């Protein structure tokens, strides 16, 4: 039937990187809404860089079921 979802362990590094990504995306959205497009694009680019880096850094981590 349905396979259980494998969750990755949350450690401080992953938590910090996700917090940065959420902050960057939120600030980019607010800057676009305020009309500050240069700052918005830079924050959006930073967010994209953080997301790509997070995928590369934490791609090989063990899940809860593997430990």
C-alpha atoms as a PDB file:
ATOM      1  CA  UNK A   1       0.000   0.000   0.000  1.00  0.00           C
ATOM      2  CA  UNK A   2       1.342   3.442   0.914  1.00  0.00           C
ATOM      3  CA  UNK A   3       4.990   3.715   1.820  1.00  0.00           C
ATOM      4  CA  UNK A   4       5.764   5.740   4.941  1.00  0.00           C
ATOM      5  CA  UNK A   5       7.304   9.166   4.393  1.00  0.00           C
ATOM      6  CA  UNK A   6      10.975   9.250   5.283  1.00  0.00           C
ATOM      7  CA  UNK A   7      11.780  12.387   7.263  1.00  0.00           C
ATOM      8  CA  UNK A   8      15.277  13.800   7.425  1.00  0.00           C
ATOM      9  CA  UNK A   9      16.738  14.573  10.805  1.00  0.00           C
ATOM     10  CA  UNK A  10      16.612  18.235  11.757  1.00  0.00           C
ATOM     11  CA  UNK A  11      19.861  19.467  13.239  1.00  0.00           C
ATOM     12  CA  UNK A  12      21.014  22.995  14.017  1.00  0.00           C
ATOM     13  CA  UNK A  13      22.709  23.472  10.637  1.00  0.00           C
ATOM     14  CA  UNK A  14      19.625  22.520   8.652  1.00  0.00           C
ATOM     15  CA  UNK A  15      17.438  24.654  10.915  1.00  0.00           C
ATOM     16  CA  UNK A  16      19.713  27.689  10.438  1.00  0.00           C
ATOM     17  CA  UNK A  17      19.832  27.327   6.651  1.00  0.00           C
ATOM     18  CA  UNK A  18      16.051  26.956   6.396  1.00  0.00           C
ATOM     19  CA  UNK A  19      15.578  29.998   8.622  1.00  0.00           C
ATOM     20  CA  UNK A  20      17.822  32.035   6.311  1.00  0.00           C
ATOM     21  CA  UNK A  21      15.913  30.811   3.255  1.00  0.00           C
ATOM     22  CA  UNK A  22      12.532  31.695   4.757  1.00  0.00           C
ATOM     23  CA  UNK A  23      13.784  35.122   5.831  1.00  0.00           C
ATOM     24  CA  UNK A  24      15.264  35.899   2.407  1.00  0.00           C
ATOM     25  CA  UNK A  25      12.123  34.876   0.535  1.00  0.00           C
ATOM     26  CA  UNK A  26       9.875  36.878   2.868  1.00  0.00           C
ATOM     27  CA  UNK A  27      12.040  39.989   2.636  1.00  0.00           C
ATOM     28  CA  UNK A  28      12.210  39.659  -1.159  1.00  0.00           C
ATOM     29  CA  UNK A  29       8.425  39.541  -1.351  1.00  0.00           C
ATOM     30  CA  UNK A  30       8.064  42.600   0.882  1.00  0.00           C
ATOM     31  CA  UNK A  31      10.617  44.540  -1.171  1.00  0.00           C
ATOM     32  CA  UNK A  32       8.783  43.718  -4.404  1.00  0.00           C
ATOM     33  CA  UNK A  33       5.512  44.860  -2.854  1.00  0.00           C
ATOM     34  CA  UNK A  34       7.115  48.125  -1.685  1.00  0.00           C
ATOM     35  CA  UNK A  35       8.486  48.748  -5.178  1.00  0.00           C
ATOM     36  CA  UNK A  36      12.174  48.329  -4.296  1.00  0.00           C
ATOM     37  CA  UNK A  37      12.968  46.036  -7.181  1.00  0.00           C
ATOM     38  CA  UNK A  38      16.766  46.043  -6.962  1.00  0.00           C
ATOM     39  CA  UNK A  39      16.746  44.879  -3.346  1.00  0.00           C
ATOM     40  CA  UNK A  40      13.985  42.388  -4.141  1.00  0.00           C
ATOM     41  CA  UNK A  41      15.944  40.810  -6.980  1.00  0.00           C
ATOM     42  CA  UNK A  42      19.071  40.570  -4.851  1.00  0.00           C
ATOM     43  CA  UNK A  43      17.163  38.904  -2.013  1.00  0.00           C
ATOM     44  CA  UNK A  44      15.451  36.545  -4.462  1.00  0.00           C
ATOM     45  CA  UNK A  45      18.852  35.613  -5.902  1.00  0.00           C
ATOM     46  CA  UNK A  46      20.160  35.062  -2.375  1.00  0.00           C
ATOM     47  CA  UNK A  47      17.179  32.862  -1.573  1.00  0.00           C
ATOM     48  CA  UNK A  48      17.779  30.776  -4.686  1.00  0.00           C
ATOM     49  CA  UNK A  49      21.456  30.399  -3.779  1.00  0.00           C
ATOM     50  CA  UNK A  50      20.549  29.289  -0.246  1.00  0.00           C
ATOM     51  CA  UNK A  51      18.051  26.702  -1.527  1.00  0.00           C
ATOM     52  CA  UNK A  52      20.535  25.240  -4.022  1.00  0.00           C
ATOM     53  CA  UNK A  53      23.263  25.172  -1.367  1.00  0.00           C
ATOM     54  CA  UNK A  54      20.921  23.481   1.113  1.00  0.00           C
ATOM     55  CA  UNK A  55      20.114  20.737  -1.377  1.00  0.00           C
ATOM     56  CA  UNK A  56      23.791  20.126  -2.048  1.00  0.00           C
ATOM     57  CA  UNK A  57      24.833  20.231   1.618  1.00  0.00           C
ATOM     58  CA  UNK A  58      22.145  17.996   3.063  1.00  0.00           C
ATOM     59  CA  UNK A  59      21.482  15.637   0.140  1.00  0.00           C
ATOM     60  CA  UNK A  60      23.288  12.629   1.637  1.00  0.00           C
ATOM     61  CA  UNK A  61      21.904  12.828   5.184  1.00  0.00           C
ATOM     62  CA  UNK A  62      20.342   9.810   6.828  1.00  0.00           C
ATOM     63  CA  UNK A  63      16.630   9.658   7.474  1.00  0.00           C
ATOM     64  CA  UNK A  64      14.990   8.698  10.759  1.00  0.00           C
ATOM     65  CA  UNK A  65      14.323   5.150   9.553  1.00  0.00           C
ATOM     66  CA  UNK A  66      17.939   4.505   8.549  1.00  0.00           C
ATOM     67  CA  UNK A  67      19.377   5.179  12.006  1.00  0.00           C
END
